[in-house]
Amino acid sequence: MSRALIIIGIVLVVLGLLWPWLSRFGLFRLPGNIVIERDNFRFYFPITSMLLISAVLSLILWLFRR
């Protein structure tokens, strides 16, 4: 269990460091993501982006388990 937590932590740190470059791909500006903007309020719910990330991660994990 501790090994998995360490790996997850390292992955999160790497993603955090790479975030400026990852945001240029437009992953979180896909059709289907909900964005509501008001005067002093912004609500963002990335449905499509999270489904895409989930599908890719599921495929990667399925390939590693085989």
C-alpha atoms as a PDB file:
ATOM      1  CA  MET A   1       0.000   0.000   0.000  1.00  0.00           C
ATOM      2  CA  SER A   2       2.765   2.472   0.854  1.00  0.00           C
ATOM      3  CA  ARG A   3       4.499   1.764  -2.465  1.00  0.00           C
ATOM      4  CA  ALA A   4       1.342   2.676  -4.380  1.00  0.00           C
ATOM      5  CA  LEU A   5       0.955   5.920  -2.416  1.00  0.00           C
ATOM      6  CA  ILE A   6       4.557   6.887  -3.136  1.00  0.00           C
ATOM      7  CA  ILE A   7       4.097   6.228  -6.865  1.00  0.00           C
ATOM      8  CA  ILE A   8       0.857   8.235  -6.934  1.00  0.00           C
ATOM      9  CA  GLY A   9       2.594  11.093  -5.122  1.00  0.00           C
ATOM     10  CA  ILE A  10       5.478  11.107  -7.586  1.00  0.00           C
ATOM     11  CA  VAL A  11       3.084  11.082 -10.542  1.00  0.00           C
ATOM     12  CA  LEU A  12       1.158  14.028  -9.071  1.00  0.00           C
ATOM     13  CA  VAL A  13       4.360  16.014  -8.536  1.00  0.00           C
ATOM     14  CA  VAL A  14       5.504  15.345 -12.110  1.00  0.00           C
ATOM     15  CA  LEU A  15       2.103  16.360 -13.497  1.00  0.00           C
ATOM     16  CA  GLY A  16       2.208  19.510 -11.399  1.00  0.00           C
ATOM     17  CA  LEU A  17       5.620  20.423 -12.764  1.00  0.00           C
ATOM     18  CA  LEU A  18       4.552  19.715 -16.347  1.00  0.00           C
ATOM     19  CA  TRP A  19       1.219  21.551 -16.035  1.00  0.00           C
ATOM     20  CA  PRO A  20       2.264  24.709 -17.972  1.00  0.00           C
ATOM     21  CA  TRP A  21       3.124  22.566 -21.003  1.00  0.00           C
ATOM     22  CA  LEU A  22       0.196  20.169 -20.612  1.00  0.00           C
ATOM     23  CA  SER A  23      -2.322  23.025 -20.600  1.00  0.00           C
ATOM     24  CA  ARG A  24      -1.272  23.994 -24.148  1.00  0.00           C
ATOM     25  CA  PHE A  25      -2.777  20.800 -25.595  1.00  0.00           C
ATOM     26  CA  GLY A  26      -6.333  22.044 -24.978  1.00  0.00           C
ATOM     27  CA  LEU A  27      -7.407  18.917 -23.130  1.00  0.00           C
ATOM     28  CA  PHE A  28      -9.656  20.861 -20.778  1.00  0.00           C
ATOM     29  CA  ARG A  29     -11.302  22.881 -23.574  1.00  0.00           C
ATOM     30  CA  LEU A  30     -13.173  19.987 -25.181  1.00  0.00           C
ATOM     31  CA  PRO A  31     -16.834  20.089 -26.204  1.00  0.00           C
ATOM     32  CA  GLY A  32     -18.932  18.634 -23.417  1.00  0.00           C
ATOM     33  CA  ASN A  33     -17.069  20.358 -20.594  1.00  0.00           C
ATOM     34  CA  ILE A  34     -19.410  22.620 -18.646  1.00  0.00           C
ATOM     35  CA  VAL A  35     -18.274  26.211 -18.089  1.00  0.00           C
ATOM     36  CA  ILE A  36     -20.525  28.793 -16.427  1.00  0.00           C
ATOM     37  CA  GLU A  37     -19.126  32.317 -16.116  1.00  0.00           C
ATOM     38  CA  ARG A  38     -20.838  35.138 -14.233  1.00  0.00           C
ATOM     39  CA  ASP A  39     -19.559  38.483 -12.939  1.00  0.00           C
ATOM     40  CA  ASN A  40     -17.558  37.223  -9.951  1.00  0.00           C
ATOM     41  CA  PHE A  41     -18.081  33.506 -10.406  1.00  0.00           C
ATOM     42  CA  ARG A  42     -16.697  30.768 -12.627  1.00  0.00           C
ATOM     43  CA  PHE A  43     -17.845  27.148 -12.494  1.00  0.00           C
ATOM     44  CA  TYR A  44     -15.946  24.555 -14.497  1.00  0.00           C
ATOM     45  CA  PHE A  45     -16.913  20.871 -14.703  1.00  0.00           C
ATOM     46  CA  PRO A  46     -14.720  18.900 -17.169  1.00  0.00           C
ATOM     47  CA  ILE A  47     -16.974  15.922 -17.951  1.00  0.00           C
ATOM     48  CA  THR A  48     -15.530  15.078 -21.373  1.00  0.00           C
ATOM     49  CA  SER A  49     -11.925  15.575 -20.311  1.00  0.00           C
ATOM     50  CA  MET A  50     -12.306  13.306 -17.291  1.00  0.00           C
ATOM     51  CA  LEU A  51     -14.000  10.584 -19.372  1.00  0.00           C
ATOM     52  CA  LEU A  52     -11.151  10.726 -21.875  1.00  0.00           C
ATOM     53  CA  ILE A  53      -8.481  10.570 -19.159  1.00  0.00           C
ATOM     54  CA  SER A  54     -10.305   7.700 -17.460  1.00  0.00           C
ATOM     55  CA  ALA A  55     -10.515   5.717 -20.698  1.00  0.00           C
ATOM     56  CA  VAL A  56      -6.815   6.202 -21.454  1.00  0.00           C
ATOM     57  CA  LEU A  57      -5.744   5.257 -17.925  1.00  0.00           C
ATOM     58  CA  SER A  58      -8.013   2.205 -17.953  1.00  0.00           C
ATOM     59  CA  LEU A  59      -6.515   1.070 -21.238  1.00  0.00           C
ATOM     60  CA  ILE A  60      -2.961   1.556 -19.951  1.00  0.00           C
ATOM     61  CA  LEU A  61      -3.656  -0.354 -16.734  1.00  0.00           C
ATOM     62  CA  TRP A  62      -5.411  -3.144 -18.665  1.00  0.00           C
ATOM     63  CA  LEU A  63      -2.367  -3.508 -20.922  1.00  0.00           C
ATOM     64  CA  PHE A  64       0.012  -3.693 -17.936  1.00  0.00           C
ATOM     65  CA  ARG A  65      -2.072  -6.390 -16.239  1.00  0.00           C
ATOM     66  CA  ARG A  66      -2.035  -8.648 -19.317  1.00  0.00           C
END
